């Protein structure tokens, strides 16, 4: 039977997407998640290089975010090994997904079955089932290969692209986009977590055809090596340039300034508060919503519940 719940599709990767999902899972909604698969660092990168599996890390984090917090399997998926051997820094969740992919012979099926094991609230789709990598052209004209190297690059990023460029999204994720009432992208690393999902032509076409309310969730801080000095409008402009135009006309912004002591810690790591240049956003024809979205835990990140509430606020406004 067709559900009367609002259908939400969230696109992205990294910890930002997981944060959003922890809030959305408490809402009365049908959730679908499209997750980037270009990670080549840490445990995911090692498994990808040694076993040829798609990187499981971001998908594992989304599964944990959508599962019951005290579920035994959810707790196991958080375990990270510390040793002097080959298991060092691997997470149990990554190994489980990799083993499931080996058993089924299909990473997408492994994600589906593992989602059942965790009894998650929602459906998770890898952005593609192809083994893709990320390439970036920098402002000095040089090219950098691999997500980890791109994030550590010094010259500004001019554009990114997938290799191979003809990777295809899952048909199920395209169906979810076309059926959605609300679609979100972000928060997350602009060039390595968000834009890679937009480099699949069918995704762009589906987003253009979709009648859903489309929301871009702006990061609170700049990311060293990726978005140094970027304002909110700079983020939106970079996303639009990779999409062939603005696809997410609603922009969700945090308007609370963190304490000076916390900002000082971040600035020491060359991360700065994103300037919210509302006038430029409005000049681009975008709708903005500013809310206090800051978590109360001594670090600068979104609060899951406040973020989910603001997403629903925008969705209700657009439906009115």
Protein backbone atom coordinates (compact mmCIF):
# COMPACT_ATOMS: atom_id res chain seq x y z
CA UNK A 1 0.00 0.00 0.00
CA UNK A 2 1.14 3.52 -0.74
CA UNK A 3 2.34 5.33 2.36
CA UNK A 4 0.95 8.75 3.31
CA UNK A 5 4.22 9.67 4.96
CA UNK A 6 6.24 12.47 3.34
CA UNK A 7 8.98 11.00 1.17
CA UNK A 8 12.41 12.48 1.83
CA UNK A 9 15.57 11.80 -0.17
CA UNK A 10 18.85 12.92 1.39
CA UNK A 11 21.98 13.11 -0.76
CA UNK A 12 25.58 13.42 0.42
CA UNK A 13 28.25 11.64 2.41
CA UNK A 14 30.55 11.96 5.37
CA UNK A 15 29.60 12.91 8.92
CA UNK A 16 27.30 15.72 7.81
CA UNK A 17 24.82 13.36 6.17
CA UNK A 18 24.88 11.06 9.19
CA UNK A 19 24.08 14.02 11.44
CA UNK A 20 21.03 14.92 9.37
CA UNK A 21 19.81 11.31 9.35
CA UNK A 22 19.99 11.03 13.13
CA UNK A 23 17.40 13.78 13.25
CA UNK A 24 15.25 12.68 10.32
CA UNK A 25 14.88 9.11 11.60
CA UNK A 26 12.78 10.47 14.49
CA UNK A 27 10.34 12.09 12.06
CA UNK A 28 7.26 10.57 10.49
CA UNK A 29 8.65 10.10 7.00
CA UNK A 30 9.82 7.58 4.41
CA UNK A 31 13.56 8.10 4.10
CA UNK A 32 15.83 7.30 1.16
CA UNK A 33 19.54 8.10 1.24
CA UNK A 34 21.97 8.41 -1.69
CA UNK A 35 25.58 8.16 -0.55
CA UNK A 36 28.78 9.02 -2.40
CA UNK A 37 31.25 6.16 -3.02
CA UNK A 38 34.49 7.97 -3.90
CA UNK A 39 36.22 7.69 -0.50
CA UNK A 40 39.77 6.36 -0.77
CA UNK A 41 41.14 7.06 2.71
CA UNK A 42 41.33 5.24 6.03
CA UNK A 43 39.71 1.84 6.50
CA UNK A 44 37.49 2.29 3.44
CA UNK A 45 40.44 3.13 1.22
CA UNK A 46 42.43 0.13 2.39
CA UNK A 47 39.52 -2.26 1.79
CA UNK A 48 38.93 -0.71 -1.60
CA UNK A 49 42.58 -1.09 -2.60
CA UNK A 50 43.10 -4.59 -1.19
CA UNK A 51 39.74 -6.22 -2.01
CA UNK A 52 38.24 -4.09 -4.79
CA UNK A 53 35.07 -3.39 -2.79
CA UNK A 54 33.25 -0.07 -2.96
CA UNK A 55 34.19 2.11 0.04
CA UNK A 56 31.84 1.13 2.88
CA UNK A 57 32.63 3.85 5.44
CA UNK A 58 30.07 6.55 4.60
CA UNK A 59 27.36 3.95 4.06
CA UNK A 60 28.21 2.32 7.41
CA UNK A 61 27.89 5.69 9.14
CA UNK A 62 24.48 6.26 7.55
CA UNK A 63 23.33 2.82 8.68
CA UNK A 64 24.40 3.54 12.24
CA UNK A 65 22.64 6.91 12.11
CA UNK A 66 19.38 5.29 10.96
CA UNK A 67 19.49 2.39 13.41
CA UNK A 68 18.35 2.24 17.01
CA UNK A 69 21.15 3.71 19.10
CA UNK A 70 21.22 0.86 21.61
CA UNK A 71 20.79 -1.93 19.08
CA UNK A 72 23.56 -4.51 19.64
CA UNK A 73 24.51 -4.64 15.95
CA UNK A 74 24.60 -0.85 15.82
CA UNK A 75 27.03 -0.84 18.73
CA UNK A 76 29.14 -3.51 17.03
CA UNK A 77 29.24 -1.48 13.80
CA UNK A 78 30.85 1.35 15.77
CA UNK A 79 33.73 -0.81 17.01
CA UNK A 80 37.10 0.12 15.55
CA UNK A 81 40.04 -2.26 16.05
CA UNK A 82 43.33 -1.18 17.56
CA UNK A 83 46.23 -3.55 16.95
CA UNK A 84 49.73 -3.87 15.57
CA UNK A 85 48.49 -5.94 12.63
CA UNK A 86 46.38 -5.63 9.52
CA UNK A 87 43.15 -5.02 11.44
CA UNK A 88 44.38 -1.75 12.90
CA UNK A 89 41.88 1.09 12.40
CA UNK A 90 39.39 -1.09 10.52
CA UNK A 91 35.83 -0.82 11.78
CA UNK A 92 33.68 -3.88 12.33
CA UNK A 93 30.95 -2.31 10.22
CA UNK A 94 33.27 -1.86 7.24
CA UNK A 95 34.45 -5.46 7.51
CA UNK A 96 30.89 -6.73 7.83
CA UNK A 97 29.75 -4.87 4.70
CA UNK A 98 32.83 -6.07 2.81
CA UNK A 99 32.19 -9.69 3.85
CA UNK A 100 28.52 -9.40 2.87
CA UNK A 101 29.54 -8.08 -0.55
CA UNK A 102 31.86 -11.08 -0.96
CA UNK A 103 29.06 -13.51 -0.02
CA UNK A 104 26.42 -11.93 -2.25
CA UNK A 105 28.72 -10.87 -5.09
CA UNK A 106 26.96 -7.51 -5.21
CA UNK A 107 27.70 -4.46 -3.04
CA UNK A 108 24.18 -3.04 -3.46
CA UNK A 109 22.67 -6.30 -2.23
CA UNK A 110 25.15 -6.29 0.64
CA UNK A 111 23.92 -2.83 1.65
CA UNK A 112 20.29 -3.97 1.49
CA UNK A 113 20.85 -7.09 3.57
CA UNK A 114 23.01 -5.30 6.11
CA UNK A 115 20.31 -2.65 6.45
CA UNK A 116 17.89 -5.45 7.36
CA UNK A 117 20.31 -6.79 9.96
CA UNK A 118 20.48 -3.34 11.56
CA UNK A 119 16.73 -2.76 11.13
CA UNK A 120 17.38 0.79 9.94
CA UNK A 121 14.66 3.35 9.37
CA UNK A 122 15.03 4.08 5.69
CA UNK A 123 16.67 2.80 2.52
CA UNK A 124 20.30 3.47 1.59
CA UNK A 125 21.58 3.54 -1.98
CA UNK A 126 25.22 3.85 -3.05
CA UNK A 127 25.43 6.69 -5.57
CA UNK A 128 26.65 4.14 -8.12
CA UNK A 129 27.59 0.48 -8.17
CA UNK A 130 30.63 1.31 -10.31
CA UNK A 131 34.14 1.55 -8.91
CA UNK A 132 34.62 5.28 -9.42
CA UNK A 133 37.33 7.68 -8.32
CA UNK A 134 37.39 11.45 -8.08
CA UNK A 135 39.65 13.82 -10.03
CA UNK A 136 40.06 17.54 -9.47
CA UNK A 137 41.40 20.34 -11.61
CA UNK A 138 43.04 23.01 -9.46
CA UNK A 139 43.23 26.73 -10.19
CA UNK A 140 46.86 26.41 -11.32
CA UNK A 141 45.74 24.00 -14.06
CA UNK A 142 47.12 20.86 -12.40
CA UNK A 143 45.05 17.74 -11.77
CA UNK A 144 44.84 15.74 -8.53
CA UNK A 145 43.64 12.14 -8.37
CA UNK A 146 41.76 10.69 -5.41
CA UNK A 147 39.48 12.12 -2.75
CA UNK A 148 42.14 12.16 -0.02
CA UNK A 149 44.63 14.09 -2.17
CA UNK A 150 41.93 16.50 -3.33
CA UNK A 151 40.95 17.34 0.24
CA UNK A 152 44.62 18.08 1.03
CA UNK A 153 45.28 20.18 -2.08
CA UNK A 154 46.74 23.67 -1.74
CA UNK A 155 45.59 25.62 -4.83
CA UNK A 156 41.85 26.15 -4.94
CA UNK A 157 39.70 23.53 -6.63
CA UNK A 158 38.31 24.60 -9.99
CA UNK A 159 36.19 21.54 -10.74
CA UNK A 160 35.90 17.84 -10.00
CA UNK A 161 34.91 14.92 -12.17
CA UNK A 162 34.33 11.18 -11.87
CA UNK A 163 36.53 8.56 -13.45
CA UNK A 164 35.16 6.79 -15.38
CA UNK A 165 32.79 9.62 -16.37
CA UNK A 166 30.01 7.32 -17.62
CA UNK A 167 29.16 5.73 -14.26
CA UNK A 168 25.43 5.11 -13.79
CA UNK A 169 23.28 5.61 -10.69
CA UNK A 170 21.03 2.87 -9.36
CA UNK A 171 17.58 2.85 -10.99
CA UNK A 172 16.05 2.65 -7.51
CA UNK A 173 17.69 5.91 -6.46
CA UNK A 174 16.36 7.67 -9.56
CA UNK A 175 12.87 6.37 -8.76
CA UNK A 176 13.22 7.68 -5.20
CA UNK A 177 14.18 11.15 -6.48
CA UNK A 178 11.23 11.28 -8.87
CA UNK A 179 8.80 10.16 -6.15
CA UNK A 180 10.17 12.43 -3.40
CA UNK A 181 8.31 15.24 -1.68
CA UNK A 182 11.53 16.74 -0.27
CA UNK A 183 15.15 16.32 -1.40
CA UNK A 184 18.13 17.53 0.62
CA UNK A 185 21.82 17.78 -0.14
CA UNK A 186 24.35 18.43 2.62
CA UNK A 187 25.75 19.21 5.02
CA UNK A 188 29.12 17.77 4.02
CA UNK A 189 32.39 18.34 2.21
CA UNK A 190 31.44 20.31 -0.89
CA UNK A 191 33.78 18.81 -3.48
CA UNK A 192 34.28 15.32 -2.03
CA UNK A 193 30.91 14.42 -0.44
CA UNK A 194 28.22 16.49 -2.18
CA UNK A 195 29.26 17.28 -5.74
CA UNK A 196 30.34 13.69 -6.61
CA UNK A 197 26.68 12.65 -6.41
CA UNK A 198 25.84 15.39 -8.90
CA UNK A 199 28.32 14.12 -11.49
CA UNK A 200 25.93 11.35 -12.57
CA UNK A 201 23.90 12.64 -15.53
CA UNK A 202 20.76 10.68 -14.68
CA UNK A 203 20.72 12.19 -11.20
CA UNK A 204 20.80 15.71 -12.65
CA UNK A 205 17.96 14.87 -15.06
CA UNK A 206 15.86 13.32 -12.29
CA UNK A 207 16.38 16.33 -10.02
CA UNK A 208 15.31 18.67 -12.80
CA UNK A 209 12.19 16.59 -13.41
CA UNK A 210 11.33 16.20 -9.73
CA UNK A 211 8.57 18.37 -8.26
CA UNK A 212 10.00 17.97 -4.74
CA UNK A 213 11.06 20.79 -2.45
CA UNK A 214 14.84 20.84 -2.86
CA UNK A 215 17.02 22.05 0.01
CA UNK A 216 20.74 22.76 0.19
CA UNK A 217 22.04 22.62 3.77
CA UNK A 218 25.02 24.93 4.18
CA UNK A 219 28.05 23.87 6.21
CA UNK A 220 28.79 25.95 9.30
CA UNK A 221 32.57 26.01 8.82
CA UNK A 222 34.88 26.13 5.81
CA UNK A 223 36.96 23.03 5.13
CA UNK A 224 40.74 23.40 4.83
CA UNK A 225 41.91 22.38 1.37
CA UNK A 226 38.42 22.42 -0.13
CA UNK A 227 36.54 25.62 0.67
CA UNK A 228 39.03 28.01 2.25
CA UNK A 229 37.49 31.50 2.29
CA UNK A 230 34.19 30.34 0.75
CA UNK A 231 31.00 32.16 1.68
CA UNK A 232 27.59 30.50 1.55
CA UNK A 233 27.01 31.92 -1.95
CA UNK A 234 30.41 30.57 -3.07
CA UNK A 235 29.34 27.08 -1.97
CA UNK A 236 26.05 27.34 -3.84
CA UNK A 237 27.76 28.71 -6.95
CA UNK A 238 30.26 25.82 -7.05
CA UNK A 239 27.44 23.28 -6.68
CA UNK A 240 25.41 24.98 -9.42
CA UNK A 241 28.38 25.08 -11.80
CA UNK A 242 28.74 21.30 -11.54
CA UNK A 243 24.98 20.79 -11.99
CA UNK A 244 24.47 23.05 -15.00
CA UNK A 245 22.44 25.50 -12.90
CA UNK A 246 20.76 25.81 -9.53
CA UNK A 247 18.90 22.62 -8.60
CA UNK A 248 18.40 23.34 -4.90
CA UNK A 249 16.66 26.74 -4.65
CA UNK A 250 16.12 26.59 -0.88
CA UNK A 251 19.17 27.21 1.32
CA UNK A 252 19.20 26.32 5.02
CA UNK A 253 21.66 28.38 7.08
CA UNK A 254 22.88 28.40 10.66
CA UNK A 255 22.68 31.88 12.20
CA UNK A 256 24.20 31.22 15.61
CA UNK A 257 27.82 32.21 16.14
CA UNK A 258 29.86 29.69 18.16
CA UNK A 259 31.83 30.89 21.17
CA UNK A 260 35.11 32.70 20.55
CA UNK A 261 37.09 29.97 22.34
CA UNK A 262 35.72 27.21 20.11
CA UNK A 263 36.21 29.30 16.96
CA UNK A 264 39.80 29.90 17.98
CA UNK A 265 40.44 26.15 18.11
CA UNK A 266 39.03 25.69 14.61
CA UNK A 267 40.88 28.67 13.21
CA UNK A 268 44.11 27.10 14.47
CA UNK A 269 43.30 24.26 12.05
CA UNK A 270 42.52 26.79 9.29
CA UNK A 271 38.76 26.31 9.42
CA UNK A 272 36.64 29.44 9.59
CA UNK A 273 32.99 30.32 10.02
CA UNK A 274 31.22 30.39 6.64
CA UNK A 275 30.11 33.93 5.86
CA UNK A 276 26.34 33.98 5.39
CA UNK A 277 26.00 36.46 2.50
CA UNK A 278 22.22 36.46 2.26
CA UNK A 279 22.10 39.34 -0.24
CA UNK A 280 24.16 37.37 -2.77
CA UNK A 281 22.00 34.28 -2.22
CA UNK A 282 18.84 36.29 -2.82
CA UNK A 283 20.42 37.88 -5.91
CA UNK A 284 20.83 34.35 -7.25
CA UNK A 285 17.07 33.86 -6.83
CA UNK A 286 17.38 31.54 -3.81
CA UNK A 287 15.09 31.21 -0.82
CA UNK A 288 16.86 31.23 2.53
CA UNK A 289 15.97 30.08 6.02
CA UNK A 290 18.22 31.04 8.92
CA UNK A 291 17.92 29.14 12.19
CA UNK A 292 20.01 28.26 15.23
CA UNK A 293 21.25 24.84 14.12
CA UNK A 294 24.32 24.57 16.33
CA UNK A 295 24.88 21.52 18.53
CA UNK A 296 25.47 22.07 22.24
CA UNK A 297 28.41 19.71 22.71
CA UNK A 298 31.56 21.83 22.57
CA UNK A 299 32.26 21.32 18.86
CA UNK A 300 30.99 23.17 15.81
CA UNK A 301 28.48 20.97 14.05
CA UNK A 302 24.77 20.78 13.32
CA UNK A 303 22.35 19.53 15.92
CA UNK A 304 20.45 16.59 14.36
CA UNK A 305 17.04 17.46 15.81
CA UNK A 306 17.24 21.18 15.03
CA UNK A 307 18.39 20.38 11.52
CA UNK A 308 15.56 17.92 10.85
CA UNK A 309 13.00 20.38 12.26
CA UNK A 310 14.27 23.13 9.94
CA UNK A 311 14.09 20.82 6.91
CA UNK A 312 10.44 20.09 7.70
CA UNK A 313 9.79 23.81 8.20
CA UNK A 314 11.01 24.58 4.68
CA UNK A 315 9.03 21.66 3.25
CA UNK A 316 5.83 22.89 4.90
CA UNK A 317 6.39 26.45 3.68
CA UNK A 318 6.83 25.29 0.09
CA UNK A 319 3.68 23.13 0.30
CA UNK A 320 1.57 26.00 1.68
